[in-house]
Amino acid sequence: MNADYVIVGAGSAGCVLAGRLSEDPGIRVAVVEAGADDMRPELRVPALFPLLFRSGVDWDLLTEPEPGLRGRRLYVPRGRVVGGSSAINAMIYIRGNPLDFDEWADMGCTGWSFREVLPYFKRSEDNERGADDYHGVGGPLPVSDGRSNHPLVDAMLEAAVQAGHELNADMNGERQDGVGRFQVTQRDGYRCSAADAFLRPAATRPNLDVVPCALVERILFEGNRAVGVQLVRNGSTEIIRAEREVILCAGTFGSSVLLMLSGIGPADQLTSLGIELLEDLPVGQGLQNHSLVLLNFLTTENALFGINTPRNRDRLEREGRGPLTSNIVEAGGFLRTAAHLPAPDVEFHFSPALFMDEGLTPPHDFGYSFGPVVLRPTGRGSVTLRTALPDSKPEVRFNFFRTDEDRGAMLAGVRLALEIAKQPALRAVERAPATAPSGDSDDELSRFVEDVAQTVYHPTSTCAMGAVVDPELRVYGVEGLRVADASIMPAVVRGNTNAATIMIGEKAADLILGKKPLEPAVLATPAVAPLD
């Protein structure tokens, strides 16, 4: 098979690129995905996403022992299915803080400031609230208000206000600070993955080939130019040639692993595994991720427990409403643990359900959970090859809480959570703590964090701009090869990463096609609002 562009990975960015590049009937596009087509019915039902953990649509990674967590190994879900992690995530539509992208530009990533990337966010978006300076309509990606609106979430938000935090109806708007309900990537109460939004509408185009259930083993080079990929499908080895470019969209783990298997990465690591070195680059280094600590409480009220019933399934099918439309994490917020900070340093997730054991233990009772996420970690992790075999799982190290700054931010976030927990709105519905700190001293809070901290599924930066790729996402030192996914972020955004990854796919399409960038946004108010 030959194509002009070979895209590796049908995840969030890969689906965007496949859809956008194939709009030109004169361009032949092939997108290769290790997972199967997204046909399982539970992929569509928002509230069932925890059932997908450690299933056949999950890469099911595990970190190495984490020193900052007393040697615990953390579960790391990643979507192995058409749609990638957008097919198994919590559907939260959060872009990050405007300051994030201005910081990228300050780091030398020309063209990636907030005013320059905002038009790409808007181009994707079909926001049911309508268009304004910050939002778009008519794009492929539906962005909607949640349809579950569980009353326990109202109680958590009311408690946050009682604790002194402001309500914010649009955390993707002029100001990120505050708490409120998330918007979600759903259509009529069902999940809308990147495949649903961008790939499926393009699937009938004769110039687009989608190749599922195919594991790419390496990138093929002639000299220093990428000319295709070698893959295994149905037990047979195949080659797809790329007449113009190979574009890696395999995610923070997959893209870095494939580069290293193909001879692009840290020289000492690759040569020790017998991999012929093509280019010495810090691939897999600088891994960043968000850590989450949840407090769980049993409640006197009904919660999202035992909801997968015929009645609720019928309501979802007939009305597109009911508890099965819940994305579990129905609300959240962005808070600063100190007034001098330039932007929020913790994000809160509010869920009308128990969420324990990294989501691997189903709820056993009526309960609710909430807690902080450290948004701008100073610690750095890594992704390295375990072996030179293409189907070996990599060694992943997040290095959570190895720095005083990260540990301090999380302890401050847990103290904010404890303050919210004791407000009247939640005291009125609390039955008993399920998982909570035994006290509020640094030692007690640190012990709690070490016991329950988990990843919140936002890995980035293993092929970062400025280190592995240039601002046009071209891999340094070779030709015909780009990376376009969350791995290229030079710093993780202050928020959930799926929306930003979709934006990267949108901007990458224009870069690849040599199009003039969209006009930077003109905003009537500052992109980053100061804290009053």
Protein backbone atom coordinates (compact mmCIF):
# COMPACT_ATOMS: atom_id res chain seq x y z
CA MET A 1 0.00 0.00 0.00
CA ASN A 2 1.17 3.52 -0.78
CA ALA A 3 -0.10 6.84 0.57
CA ASP A 4 1.01 10.44 0.53
CA TYR A 5 0.75 10.63 4.31
CA VAL A 6 0.93 7.69 6.69
CA ILE A 7 -0.52 8.49 10.11
CA VAL A 8 0.43 6.14 12.95
CA GLY A 9 -2.33 6.10 15.57
CA ALA A 10 -6.06 6.79 15.21
CA GLY A 11 -6.27 8.61 18.54
CA SER A 12 -7.41 12.16 19.16
CA ALA A 13 -4.84 13.96 16.99
CA GLY A 14 -4.61 11.15 14.43
CA CYS A 15 -8.34 11.22 13.75
CA VAL A 16 -8.23 15.00 13.29
CA LEU A 17 -5.34 14.72 10.84
CA ALA A 18 -6.95 11.88 8.90
CA GLY A 19 -10.13 13.89 8.55
CA ARG A 20 -8.47 17.17 7.64
CA LEU A 21 -5.78 15.89 5.25
CA SER A 22 -8.23 13.69 3.34
CA GLU A 23 -10.51 16.67 2.65
CA ASP A 24 -8.31 17.19 -0.42
CA PRO A 25 -9.27 14.38 -2.86
CA GLY A 26 -5.84 14.65 -4.43
CA ILE A 27 -4.11 13.52 -1.22
CA ARG A 28 -4.04 9.84 -0.26
CA VAL A 29 -4.02 9.19 3.48
CA ALA A 30 -3.52 5.98 5.42
CA VAL A 31 -4.07 5.85 9.19
CA VAL A 32 -2.78 2.81 11.05
CA GLU A 33 -4.21 1.84 14.44
CA ALA A 34 -3.02 -0.94 16.75
CA GLY A 35 -6.50 -1.40 18.22
CA ALA A 36 -9.74 -2.55 16.69
CA ASP A 37 -12.69 -0.56 15.36
CA ASP A 38 -14.67 1.14 18.12
CA MET A 39 -17.76 -1.07 17.87
CA ARG A 40 -18.22 -2.12 21.51
CA PRO A 41 -21.50 -0.59 22.75
CA GLU A 42 -20.07 0.39 26.15
CA LEU A 43 -17.70 2.78 24.37
CA ARG A 44 -20.70 4.98 23.59
CA VAL A 45 -22.27 5.05 27.08
CA PRO A 46 -20.55 7.79 29.10
CA ALA A 47 -21.00 6.40 32.61
CA LEU A 48 -19.54 3.01 31.68
CA PHE A 49 -16.03 4.18 30.89
CA PRO A 50 -14.49 2.65 34.07
CA LEU A 51 -15.59 -0.76 32.76
CA LEU A 52 -13.15 -0.28 29.90
CA PHE A 53 -10.14 -0.17 32.21
CA ARG A 54 -7.91 -3.22 31.66
CA SER A 55 -10.15 -4.42 28.85
CA GLY A 56 -9.21 -5.23 25.27
CA VAL A 57 -9.41 -1.55 24.30
CA ASP A 58 -6.80 -0.51 26.90
CA TRP A 59 -3.00 -0.62 26.54
CA ASP A 60 -3.09 -1.29 30.32
CA LEU A 61 0.31 0.13 31.25
CA LEU A 62 1.87 0.06 34.70
CA THR A 63 4.55 2.38 36.02
CA GLU A 64 7.78 1.24 37.58
CA PRO A 65 7.82 1.54 41.40
CA GLU A 66 7.32 5.22 42.22
CA PRO A 67 9.84 6.40 44.86
CA GLY A 68 7.62 9.32 45.89
CA LEU A 69 4.77 6.89 46.58
CA ARG A 70 6.73 4.39 48.68
CA GLY A 71 7.29 2.11 45.71
CA ARG A 72 3.68 1.82 44.56
CA ARG A 73 3.17 1.06 40.87
CA LEU A 74 0.43 3.09 39.19
CA TYR A 75 -2.08 1.87 36.64
CA VAL A 76 -2.00 3.87 33.39
CA PRO A 77 -4.96 3.37 31.02
CA ARG A 78 -4.54 4.38 27.37
CA GLY A 79 -7.00 3.73 24.57
CA ARG A 80 -6.04 0.92 22.21
CA VAL A 81 -8.96 1.34 19.82
CA VAL A 82 -9.99 3.57 16.95
CA GLY A 83 -10.51 6.91 18.72
CA GLY A 84 -7.64 6.26 21.12
CA SER A 85 -8.02 7.61 24.63
CA SER A 86 -10.89 9.85 23.50
CA ALA A 87 -12.89 6.60 23.27
CA ILE A 88 -12.34 5.66 26.92
CA ASN A 89 -11.83 8.98 28.74
CA ALA A 90 -14.16 11.04 30.94
CA MET A 91 -15.07 13.34 28.01
CA ILE A 92 -14.15 16.56 29.86
CA TYR A 93 -13.67 19.50 27.51
CA ILE A 94 -11.05 21.72 29.12
CA ARG A 95 -8.37 23.45 27.08
CA GLY A 96 -5.93 24.55 29.75
CA ASN A 97 -5.08 28.05 30.84
CA PRO A 98 -4.27 30.76 28.27
CA LEU A 99 -0.98 31.30 30.08
CA ASP A 100 0.06 27.74 29.15
CA PHE A 101 0.26 28.49 25.46
CA ASP A 102 1.88 31.90 25.96
CA GLU A 103 4.52 30.09 28.01
CA TRP A 104 5.03 27.67 25.11
CA ALA A 105 5.66 30.64 22.82
CA ASP A 106 8.07 32.14 25.37
CA MET A 107 9.96 28.81 25.31
CA GLY A 108 10.59 29.28 21.58
CA CYS A 109 7.51 27.52 20.17
CA THR A 110 6.70 30.12 17.55
CA GLY A 111 3.07 30.11 16.49
CA TRP A 112 1.75 28.42 19.64
CA SER A 113 0.66 31.40 21.79
CA PHE A 114 -2.90 31.46 23.11
CA ARG A 115 -4.14 33.97 20.57
CA GLU A 116 -2.62 31.84 17.80
CA VAL A 117 -4.04 28.49 18.94
CA LEU A 118 -7.48 29.72 20.03
CA PRO A 119 -8.76 29.79 16.41
CA TYR A 120 -7.85 26.10 16.09
CA PHE A 121 -9.77 25.24 19.24
CA LYS A 122 -12.73 27.13 17.83
CA ARG A 123 -12.46 25.50 14.40
CA SER A 124 -13.02 22.07 15.94
CA GLU A 125 -15.83 23.11 18.21
CA ASP A 126 -19.59 22.92 17.89
CA ASN A 127 -20.57 24.35 21.24
CA GLU A 128 -24.24 24.08 22.09
CA ARG A 129 -24.03 27.39 23.99
CA GLY A 130 -23.22 29.22 20.75
CA ALA A 131 -20.28 31.18 19.40
CA ASP A 132 -18.40 33.98 21.15
CA ASP A 133 -14.82 35.25 21.47
CA TYR A 134 -13.74 31.96 23.02
CA HIS A 135 -16.02 29.37 21.41
CA GLY A 136 -17.01 28.14 17.99
CA VAL A 137 -19.99 26.47 16.37
CA GLY A 138 -20.26 24.32 13.28
CA GLY A 139 -17.09 22.30 13.86
CA PRO A 140 -16.95 18.50 13.92
CA LEU A 141 -16.60 18.16 17.70
CA PRO A 142 -19.77 18.58 19.79
CA VAL A 143 -19.18 20.35 23.10
CA SER A 144 -22.26 20.14 25.27
CA ASP A 145 -23.47 20.68 28.79
CA GLY A 146 -23.79 17.49 30.81
CA ARG A 147 -27.21 15.87 30.98
CA SER A 148 -26.94 14.02 34.27
CA ASN A 149 -26.77 17.07 36.58
CA HIS A 150 -26.63 14.93 39.70
CA PRO A 151 -27.78 16.77 42.87
CA LEU A 152 -24.72 15.57 44.80
CA VAL A 153 -22.65 17.65 42.41
CA ASP A 154 -24.78 20.67 43.35
CA ALA A 155 -23.94 19.97 46.99
CA MET A 156 -20.20 19.79 46.24
CA LEU A 157 -20.28 23.02 44.28
CA GLU A 158 -22.31 24.73 47.00
CA ALA A 159 -19.76 23.55 49.58
CA ALA A 160 -16.94 24.96 47.47
CA VAL A 161 -18.71 28.33 47.38
CA GLN A 162 -19.25 28.13 51.14
CA ALA A 163 -15.49 27.57 51.45
CA GLY A 164 -14.86 30.84 49.61
CA HIS A 165 -14.49 29.79 45.97
CA GLU A 166 -16.36 31.45 43.11
CA LEU A 167 -18.65 29.82 40.59
CA ASN A 168 -17.49 29.86 36.98
CA ALA A 169 -19.89 28.77 34.26
CA ASP A 170 -17.17 28.66 31.58
CA MET A 171 -13.69 27.54 32.59
CA ASN A 172 -12.64 27.76 28.94
CA GLY A 173 -13.59 31.40 28.72
CA GLU A 174 -12.13 34.69 29.87
CA ARG A 175 -11.16 33.33 33.26
CA GLN A 176 -10.24 29.82 34.37
CA ASP A 177 -10.45 30.35 38.15
CA GLY A 178 -13.50 29.02 39.97
CA VAL A 179 -15.70 25.94 40.17
CA GLY A 180 -18.54 24.70 38.00
CA ARG A 181 -19.89 21.95 35.83
CA PHE A 182 -17.70 20.74 32.98
CA GLN A 183 -18.75 20.75 29.38
CA VAL A 184 -18.28 17.39 27.70
CA THR A 185 -17.61 15.89 24.28
CA GLN A 186 -21.01 14.27 23.91
CA ARG A 187 -23.77 14.31 21.33
CA ASP A 188 -27.35 13.68 22.51
CA GLY A 189 -26.07 12.16 25.74
CA TYR A 190 -23.65 9.73 24.09
CA ARG A 191 -19.85 9.89 23.92
CA CYS A 192 -18.46 11.55 20.83
CA SER A 193 -14.85 10.43 20.44
CA ALA A 194 -12.40 11.97 18.00
CA ALA A 195 -13.19 9.06 15.71
CA ASP A 196 -16.90 9.88 15.86
CA ALA A 197 -16.24 13.56 15.19
CA PHE A 198 -13.44 13.54 12.61
CA LEU A 199 -12.74 10.06 11.24
CA ARG A 200 -16.15 8.45 10.75
CA PRO A 201 -17.53 11.29 8.58
CA ALA A 202 -14.46 10.87 6.33
CA ALA A 203 -14.48 7.06 6.24
CA THR A 204 -16.21 6.78 2.86
CA ARG A 205 -13.67 8.97 1.07
CA PRO A 206 -11.83 6.89 -1.54
CA ASN A 207 -8.53 8.59 -0.68
CA LEU A 208 -8.60 7.52 3.00
CA ASP A 209 -7.57 4.07 4.22
CA VAL A 210 -8.06 3.14 7.89
CA VAL A 211 -5.97 0.12 8.89
CA PRO A 212 -7.04 -1.24 12.31
CA CYS A 213 -5.54 -4.09 14.34
CA ALA A 214 -2.08 -3.29 12.95
CA LEU A 215 0.95 -2.82 15.19
CA VAL A 216 3.61 -0.58 13.65
CA GLU A 217 7.01 -2.07 14.44
CA ARG A 218 9.28 0.62 13.06
CA ILE A 219 9.60 3.60 10.76
CA LEU A 220 11.38 2.89 7.49
CA PHE A 221 14.14 5.23 6.32
CA GLU A 222 16.10 5.75 3.14
CA GLY A 223 19.12 7.63 4.34
CA ASN A 224 17.72 10.10 6.86
CA ARG A 225 14.31 10.37 5.21
CA ALA A 226 11.25 8.52 6.53
CA VAL A 227 9.62 6.67 3.65
CA GLY A 228 7.04 4.46 5.36
CA VAL A 229 6.29 2.06 8.18
CA GLN A 230 6.57 -1.65 8.80
CA LEU A 231 3.61 -3.21 10.57
CA VAL A 232 2.22 -6.56 11.62
CA ARG A 233 -1.40 -7.41 10.89
CA ASN A 234 -3.05 -10.81 11.22
CA GLY A 235 0.37 -12.34 11.84
CA SER A 236 1.84 -11.00 8.60
CA THR A 237 4.39 -8.26 8.06
CA GLU A 238 3.34 -5.44 5.74
CA ILE A 239 4.87 -2.18 4.55
CA ILE A 240 3.03 1.06 3.83
CA ARG A 241 5.10 3.61 1.96
CA ALA A 242 4.71 7.34 2.51
CA GLU A 243 5.32 9.47 -0.56
CA ARG A 244 5.36 12.70 1.47
CA GLU A 245 5.51 12.16 5.26
CA VAL A 246 5.10 9.78 8.14
CA ILE A 247 3.19 11.41 11.01
CA LEU A 248 3.30 9.86 14.47
CA CYS A 249 0.08 10.29 16.45
CA ALA A 250 0.54 7.28 18.71
CA GLY A 251 0.45 9.27 21.93
CA THR A 252 2.93 10.20 24.62
CA PHE A 253 4.00 6.59 25.10
CA GLY A 254 3.48 5.13 21.63
CA SER A 255 5.15 7.88 19.61
CA SER A 256 8.26 7.94 21.78
CA VAL A 257 8.51 4.14 21.78
CA LEU A 258 8.24 3.98 17.98
CA LEU A 259 10.90 6.65 17.52
CA MET A 260 13.27 4.75 19.77
CA LEU A 261 12.59 1.42 18.07
CA SER A 262 13.43 3.17 14.80
CA GLY A 263 16.78 4.49 16.02
CA ILE A 264 15.80 7.98 17.17
CA GLY A 265 16.38 8.54 20.87
CA PRO A 266 19.02 8.64 23.61
CA ALA A 267 22.15 7.07 22.16
CA ASP A 268 23.22 5.20 25.29
CA GLN A 269 19.82 3.56 25.75
CA LEU A 270 19.39 2.50 22.13
CA THR A 271 22.89 1.14 21.63
CA SER A 272 22.61 -0.87 24.85
CA LEU A 273 19.60 -2.64 23.30
CA GLY A 274 21.33 -3.25 20.00
CA ILE A 275 19.28 -0.67 18.10
CA GLU A 276 21.21 1.10 15.36
CA LEU A 277 21.30 4.81 16.15
CA LEU A 278 19.96 7.19 13.53
CA GLU A 279 19.62 10.37 15.59
CA ASP A 280 20.57 11.10 19.21
CA LEU A 281 17.57 12.97 20.70
CA PRO A 282 16.05 13.05 24.22
CA VAL A 283 13.00 11.02 23.18
CA GLY A 284 11.03 9.72 26.15
CA GLN A 285 12.65 12.17 28.56
CA GLY A 286 10.82 15.02 30.27
CA LEU A 287 7.59 13.06 30.77
CA GLN A 288 5.00 15.17 32.56
CA ASN A 289 1.66 14.12 34.00
CA HIS A 290 -0.99 15.24 36.46
CA SER A 291 -1.40 13.47 39.78
CA LEU A 292 -4.79 13.19 41.51
CA VAL A 293 -5.78 12.55 45.11
CA LEU A 294 -9.43 11.80 45.81
CA LEU A 295 -11.32 11.92 49.08
CA ASN A 296 -14.30 9.54 49.16
CA PHE A 297 -17.37 9.82 51.40
CA LEU A 298 -20.40 7.63 51.88
CA THR A 299 -23.65 9.54 51.58
CA THR A 300 -27.25 9.42 52.76
CA GLU A 301 -28.39 10.33 49.22
CA ASN A 302 -28.64 8.34 46.02
CA ALA A 303 -25.44 8.34 43.99
CA LEU A 304 -24.14 6.78 40.78
CA PHE A 305 -24.23 3.21 42.04
CA GLY A 306 -26.12 0.38 40.37
CA ILE A 307 -27.24 2.61 37.50
CA ASN A 308 -26.70 0.21 34.58
CA THR A 309 -30.32 -0.92 34.59
CA PRO A 310 -32.78 -1.63 31.75
CA ARG A 311 -34.77 1.45 32.77
CA ASN A 312 -31.76 3.76 32.56
CA ARG A 313 -30.57 2.19 29.32
CA ASP A 314 -34.02 2.73 27.84
CA ARG A 315 -34.04 6.36 28.97
CA LEU A 316 -30.62 6.94 27.40
CA GLU A 317 -31.81 5.42 24.13
CA ARG A 318 -35.14 7.27 24.03
CA GLU A 319 -34.23 10.64 25.53
CA GLY A 320 -30.44 10.87 25.59
CA ARG A 321 -30.71 11.61 29.29
CA GLY A 322 -30.46 9.99 32.68
CA PRO A 323 -27.62 8.78 34.91
CA LEU A 324 -25.92 6.79 32.13
CA THR A 325 -25.12 10.10 30.41
CA SER A 326 -22.94 11.05 33.37
CA ASN A 327 -19.23 11.31 32.65
CA ILE A 328 -18.73 10.54 36.39
CA VAL A 329 -16.54 13.64 36.80
CA GLU A 330 -19.44 16.01 36.26
CA ALA A 331 -17.85 19.14 37.71
CA GLY A 332 -14.58 20.61 38.80
CA GLY A 333 -12.67 23.77 39.35
CA PHE A 334 -9.37 25.58 39.11
CA LEU A 335 -7.96 27.01 42.31
CA ARG A 336 -4.79 28.74 43.46
CA THR A 337 -3.19 27.56 46.66
CA ALA A 338 -1.45 30.96 47.01
CA ALA A 339 -2.61 34.39 45.84
CA HIS A 340 0.71 35.29 44.19
CA LEU A 341 0.52 32.47 41.64
CA PRO A 342 0.02 33.59 38.01
CA ALA A 343 -2.64 30.93 37.36
CA PRO A 344 -4.41 28.08 39.16
CA ASP A 345 -2.04 25.38 40.39
CA VAL A 346 -4.65 22.76 41.34
CA GLU A 347 -7.70 21.45 39.54
CA PHE A 348 -10.58 19.80 41.41
CA HIS A 349 -12.70 16.91 40.16
CA PHE A 350 -16.17 16.42 41.67
CA SER A 351 -17.93 13.06 41.17
CA PRO A 352 -21.31 11.79 42.48
CA ALA A 353 -19.78 8.33 42.89
CA LEU A 354 -17.09 6.57 44.84
CA PHE A 355 -13.82 6.38 42.87
CA MET A 356 -11.29 4.22 44.67
CA ASP A 357 -8.31 2.01 43.86
CA GLU A 358 -7.49 4.05 40.73
CA GLY A 359 -11.00 3.35 39.43
CA LEU A 360 -10.33 -0.40 39.29
CA THR A 361 -12.66 -1.29 42.18
CA PRO A 362 -16.35 -0.72 41.31
CA PRO A 363 -18.37 1.40 43.75
CA HIS A 364 -19.78 -0.68 46.61
CA ASP A 365 -22.17 1.89 48.09
CA PHE A 366 -23.68 5.32 47.58
CA GLY A 367 -20.95 7.92 47.82
CA TYR A 368 -19.22 10.91 46.30
CA SER A 369 -15.60 11.85 45.72
CA PHE A 370 -13.56 14.93 45.04
CA GLY A 371 -10.00 16.11 45.31
CA PRO A 372 -7.09 18.03 43.82
CA VAL A 373 -4.90 17.57 40.77
CA VAL A 374 -1.42 19.16 40.70
CA LEU A 375 -1.52 21.10 37.45
CA ARG A 376 2.07 22.20 36.80
CA PRO A 377 4.38 19.51 38.19
CA THR A 378 8.07 20.32 38.52
CA GLY A 379 9.07 16.65 38.61
CA ARG A 380 9.91 14.91 35.38
CA GLY A 381 9.54 11.27 34.43
CA SER A 382 10.58 9.13 31.51
CA VAL A 383 9.51 6.50 29.01
CA THR A 384 12.22 4.01 28.09
CA LEU A 385 12.32 0.77 26.15
CA ARG A 386 12.17 -2.39 28.20
CA THR A 387 13.42 -4.46 25.26
CA ALA A 388 13.91 -3.98 21.53
CA LEU A 389 10.77 -6.02 20.82
CA PRO A 390 8.00 -3.86 19.30
CA ASP A 391 5.27 -5.46 21.42
CA SER A 392 7.05 -5.02 24.78
CA LYS A 393 5.44 -2.56 27.13
CA PRO A 394 7.75 0.37 27.95
CA GLU A 395 9.15 1.30 31.31
CA VAL A 396 7.19 4.32 32.58
CA ARG A 397 8.25 6.51 35.49
CA PHE A 398 6.23 9.57 36.50
CA ASN A 399 8.36 10.47 39.53
CA PHE A 400 5.37 11.96 41.33
CA PHE A 401 6.14 13.98 44.48
CA ARG A 402 9.91 13.79 44.14
CA THR A 403 10.15 17.58 44.49
CA ASP A 404 9.20 19.73 47.46
CA GLU A 405 7.13 21.96 45.15
CA ASP A 406 4.93 19.12 43.91
CA ARG A 407 4.42 17.62 47.34
CA GLY A 408 3.64 21.04 48.79
CA ALA A 409 1.11 21.82 46.07
CA MET A 410 -0.68 18.51 46.65
CA LEU A 411 -0.77 18.94 50.43
CA ALA A 412 -2.19 22.43 49.96
CA GLY A 413 -4.78 21.01 47.56
CA VAL A 414 -5.81 18.29 50.03
CA ARG A 415 -6.24 20.96 52.71
CA LEU A 416 -8.56 22.85 50.34
CA ALA A 417 -10.50 19.62 49.88
CA LEU A 418 -10.80 19.11 53.64
CA GLU A 419 -12.10 22.66 53.98
CA ILE A 420 -14.75 21.99 51.34
CA ALA A 421 -15.67 18.68 52.96
CA LYS A 422 -16.59 20.30 56.27
CA GLN A 423 -18.98 22.89 54.81
CA PRO A 424 -22.72 22.62 55.66
CA ALA A 425 -23.77 21.64 52.13
CA LEU A 426 -21.74 18.43 52.36
CA ARG A 427 -22.15 17.79 56.06
CA ALA A 428 -25.87 17.54 55.33
CA VAL A 429 -25.39 14.58 52.97
CA GLU A 430 -22.32 12.86 54.44
CA ARG A 431 -22.78 9.50 56.12
CA ALA A 432 -19.14 8.64 56.83
CA PRO A 433 -15.68 9.02 55.29
CA ALA A 434 -14.60 6.16 53.02
CA THR A 435 -11.07 7.30 52.17
CA ALA A 436 -9.83 10.48 53.82
CA PRO A 437 -6.75 11.62 55.76
CA SER A 438 -6.54 10.67 59.43
CA GLY A 439 -5.50 14.23 60.30
CA ASP A 440 -4.25 17.46 58.77
CA SER A 441 -0.57 17.49 59.75
CA ASP A 442 2.01 17.36 56.97
CA ASP A 443 2.98 13.82 57.96
CA GLU A 444 -0.62 12.58 57.99
CA LEU A 445 -1.45 14.25 54.69
CA SER A 446 1.75 12.97 53.07
CA ARG A 447 0.94 9.43 54.17
CA PHE A 448 -2.56 9.75 52.70
CA VAL A 449 -1.18 11.11 49.42
CA GLU A 450 1.33 8.27 49.19
CA ASP A 451 -1.45 5.75 49.80
CA VAL A 452 -4.04 6.97 47.28
CA ALA A 453 -2.41 9.26 44.68
CA GLN A 454 -2.93 8.18 41.10
CA THR A 455 -2.41 9.46 37.59
CA VAL A 456 -5.29 11.43 36.14
CA TYR A 457 -4.38 10.22 32.63
CA HIS A 458 -2.70 13.33 31.17
CA PRO A 459 0.81 12.21 30.08
CA THR A 460 2.68 14.63 27.80
CA SER A 461 6.03 15.96 26.65
CA THR A 462 8.12 12.91 25.66
CA CYS A 463 8.68 14.32 22.15
CA ALA A 464 8.56 17.95 23.17
CA MET A 465 8.84 20.94 20.89
CA GLY A 466 12.31 22.37 21.22
CA ALA A 467 13.82 19.03 22.27
CA VAL A 468 12.64 16.41 19.77
CA VAL A 469 10.53 18.34 17.25
CA ASP A 470 10.59 21.91 16.00
CA PRO A 471 7.57 24.28 16.19
CA GLU A 472 6.32 22.80 12.91
CA LEU A 473 6.45 19.36 14.61
CA ARG A 474 9.24 18.03 12.36
CA VAL A 475 11.60 15.62 14.08
CA TYR A 476 15.08 17.10 14.33
CA GLY A 477 17.81 15.59 12.19
CA VAL A 478 15.61 13.64 9.78
CA GLU A 479 13.24 14.42 6.94
CA GLY A 480 9.68 13.40 6.19
CA LEU A 481 8.78 12.67 9.81
CA ARG A 482 6.60 14.60 12.25
CA VAL A 483 4.98 13.98 15.60
CA ALA A 484 1.53 15.44 16.33
CA ASP A 485 -0.02 14.43 19.64
CA ALA A 486 0.22 15.26 23.36
CA SER A 487 3.87 14.20 23.40
CA ILE A 488 4.91 17.43 21.66
CA MET A 489 3.71 19.70 24.47
CA PRO A 490 6.78 21.43 25.94
CA ALA A 491 4.87 21.70 29.22
CA VAL A 492 1.65 20.01 30.26
CA VAL A 493 -1.35 22.34 30.15
CA ARG A 494 -3.15 23.40 33.30
CA GLY A 495 -6.15 21.18 32.69
CA ASN A 496 -7.36 18.03 30.99
CA THR A 497 -5.38 17.33 27.83
CA ASN A 498 -7.81 15.94 25.25
CA ALA A 499 -9.03 19.30 23.92
CA ALA A 500 -5.44 20.55 23.56
CA THR A 501 -4.47 17.34 21.74
CA ILE A 502 -7.31 17.84 19.27
CA MET A 503 -6.10 21.42 18.77
CA ILE A 504 -2.60 20.08 18.04
CA GLY A 505 -4.10 17.87 15.33
CA GLU A 506 -5.94 20.83 13.83
CA LYS A 507 -2.85 23.05 13.75
CA ALA A 508 -0.65 20.20 12.52
CA ALA A 509 -2.92 19.72 9.50
CA ASP A 510 -2.31 23.29 8.38
CA LEU A 511 1.44 23.02 9.05
CA ILE A 512 1.69 19.82 7.01
CA LEU A 513 -0.29 21.24 4.10
CA GLY A 514 1.69 24.49 4.17
CA LYS A 515 -1.40 26.57 4.71
CA LYS A 516 -1.31 30.07 6.09
CA PRO A 517 -2.06 29.93 9.84
CA LEU A 518 -5.50 30.99 10.98
CA GLU A 519 -5.66 34.63 12.01
CA PRO A 520 -4.79 35.09 15.69
CA ALA A 521 -7.75 35.81 17.94
CA VAL A 522 -8.55 39.38 18.88
CA LEU A 523 -9.79 39.42 22.46
CA ALA A 524 -11.46 42.38 24.13
CA THR A 525 -10.13 41.33 27.54
CA PRO A 526 -6.75 40.01 28.67
CA ALA A 527 -6.18 36.35 27.82
CA VAL A 528 -4.99 35.76 31.38
CA ALA A 529 -7.13 37.47 34.00
CA PRO A 530 -5.35 38.38 37.26
CA LEU A 531 -6.58 37.13 40.60
CA ASP A 532 -8.55 39.85 42.40
